[in-house]
Amino acid sequence: MFWRTIYGMTRALANLLGTVALLIDSLLWLSVLKASGADRFVNGVFGTRNEYKVVLGAALVGSIFSLAASIRGCRYWLLGLCFSVGTLGYFTYALSR
């Protein structure tokens, strides 16, 4: 079902998903630069208990969107997929310590 949905989408939608994925990943990396401000924002909006779920969920959504863009969009989205998977791996490792 998931693959049928990906192959049925237009290239414009796939490119839009890839762009959204890179924006999500860029915001996650920008949060590393100013961690205190990002912590206050996430704690204020989602609560202290859900901080890890929000960050890892955003990284996972970015990876899924990049996967869809690399399958249906152009081949250059494979670089975006590598960036998204690297972001997911980094934040999983950093938050598990």
Protein backbone atom coordinates (compact mmCIF):
# COMPACT_ATOMS: atom_id res chain seq x y z
CA MET A 1 0.00 0.00 0.00
CA PHE A 2 2.81 2.40 0.91
CA TRP A 3 4.73 1.69 -2.30
CA ARG A 4 1.60 2.09 -4.42
CA THR A 5 1.09 5.52 -2.88
CA ILE A 6 4.67 6.57 -3.63
CA TYR A 7 4.59 5.37 -7.22
CA GLY A 8 1.22 7.06 -7.76
CA MET A 9 2.35 10.54 -6.73
CA THR A 10 3.49 13.19 -9.15
CA ARG A 11 7.09 14.31 -9.41
CA ALA A 12 6.14 17.78 -8.21
CA LEU A 13 4.70 16.33 -4.98
CA ALA A 14 7.80 14.16 -4.54
CA ASN A 15 10.04 17.19 -4.94
CA LEU A 16 7.89 19.10 -2.43
CA LEU A 17 8.24 16.23 0.08
CA GLY A 18 12.00 16.24 -0.42
CA THR A 19 12.16 19.98 0.18
CA VAL A 20 10.10 19.66 3.36
CA ALA A 21 12.38 16.85 4.53
CA LEU A 22 15.49 18.97 4.04
CA LEU A 23 13.84 21.88 5.87
CA ILE A 24 13.04 19.60 8.81
CA ASP A 25 16.60 18.26 8.87
CA SER A 26 18.05 21.76 8.62
CA LEU A 27 15.95 22.90 11.57
CA LEU A 28 17.15 19.93 13.60
CA TRP A 29 20.79 20.78 12.85
CA LEU A 30 20.17 24.44 13.65
CA SER A 31 18.78 23.34 17.01
CA VAL A 32 22.21 21.82 17.77
CA LEU A 33 23.76 25.29 17.42
CA LYS A 34 21.40 26.84 19.95
CA ALA A 35 20.35 23.91 22.12
CA SER A 36 19.01 25.94 25.05
CA GLY A 37 16.57 27.88 22.87
CA ALA A 38 15.41 24.72 21.11
CA ASP A 39 14.91 22.95 24.45
CA ARG A 40 12.80 25.81 25.79
CA PHE A 41 10.67 25.88 22.64
CA VAL A 42 10.03 22.12 22.56
CA ASN A 43 9.42 21.95 26.32
CA GLY A 44 7.01 24.88 26.14
CA VAL A 45 5.00 23.46 23.26
CA PHE A 46 5.11 19.70 23.82
CA GLY A 47 6.21 19.29 27.44
CA THR A 48 9.35 17.92 29.03
CA ARG A 49 8.40 14.26 28.71
CA ASN A 50 7.82 14.41 24.96
CA GLU A 51 11.05 16.17 23.95
CA TYR A 52 12.80 13.03 22.66
CA LYS A 53 9.68 11.83 20.86
CA VAL A 54 9.35 15.12 18.98
CA VAL A 55 12.99 15.27 17.89
CA LEU A 56 13.22 11.64 16.83
CA GLY A 57 9.77 11.79 15.22
CA ALA A 58 10.79 14.82 13.16
CA ALA A 59 13.98 13.07 12.05
CA LEU A 60 12.01 9.94 11.12
CA VAL A 61 9.45 11.96 9.14
CA GLY A 62 12.30 13.70 7.33
CA SER A 63 13.81 10.33 6.42
CA ILE A 64 10.49 8.97 5.13
CA PHE A 65 9.85 12.09 3.05
CA SER A 66 13.37 11.89 1.62
CA LEU A 67 12.83 8.22 0.76
CA ALA A 68 9.62 9.07 -1.11
CA ALA A 69 11.38 11.91 -2.94
CA SER A 70 14.32 9.72 -3.92
CA ILE A 71 12.03 7.00 -5.27
CA ARG A 72 9.67 9.17 -7.26
CA GLY A 73 11.63 12.40 -7.76
CA CYS A 74 15.02 12.80 -9.38
CA ARG A 75 18.13 10.86 -8.41
CA TYR A 76 19.68 13.83 -6.67
CA TRP A 77 17.29 13.24 -3.79
CA LEU A 78 19.45 10.26 -2.85
CA LEU A 79 21.89 12.80 -1.38
CA GLY A 80 18.99 14.22 0.64
CA LEU A 81 18.14 10.71 1.77
CA CYS A 82 21.72 10.19 2.98
CA PHE A 83 21.55 13.50 4.83
CA SER A 84 18.21 12.57 6.46
CA VAL A 85 19.37 9.12 7.52
CA GLY A 86 22.57 10.64 8.92
CA THR A 87 20.49 13.16 10.86
CA LEU A 88 18.28 10.40 12.25
CA GLY A 89 21.34 8.37 13.24
CA TYR A 90 23.06 11.30 14.90
CA PHE A 91 20.06 12.34 16.95
CA THR A 92 19.28 8.74 17.92
CA TYR A 93 22.85 8.31 19.17
CA ALA A 94 22.97 11.71 20.89
CA LEU A 95 19.66 11.29 22.68
CA SER A 96 20.36 7.70 23.78
CA ARG A 97 23.37 8.73 25.88
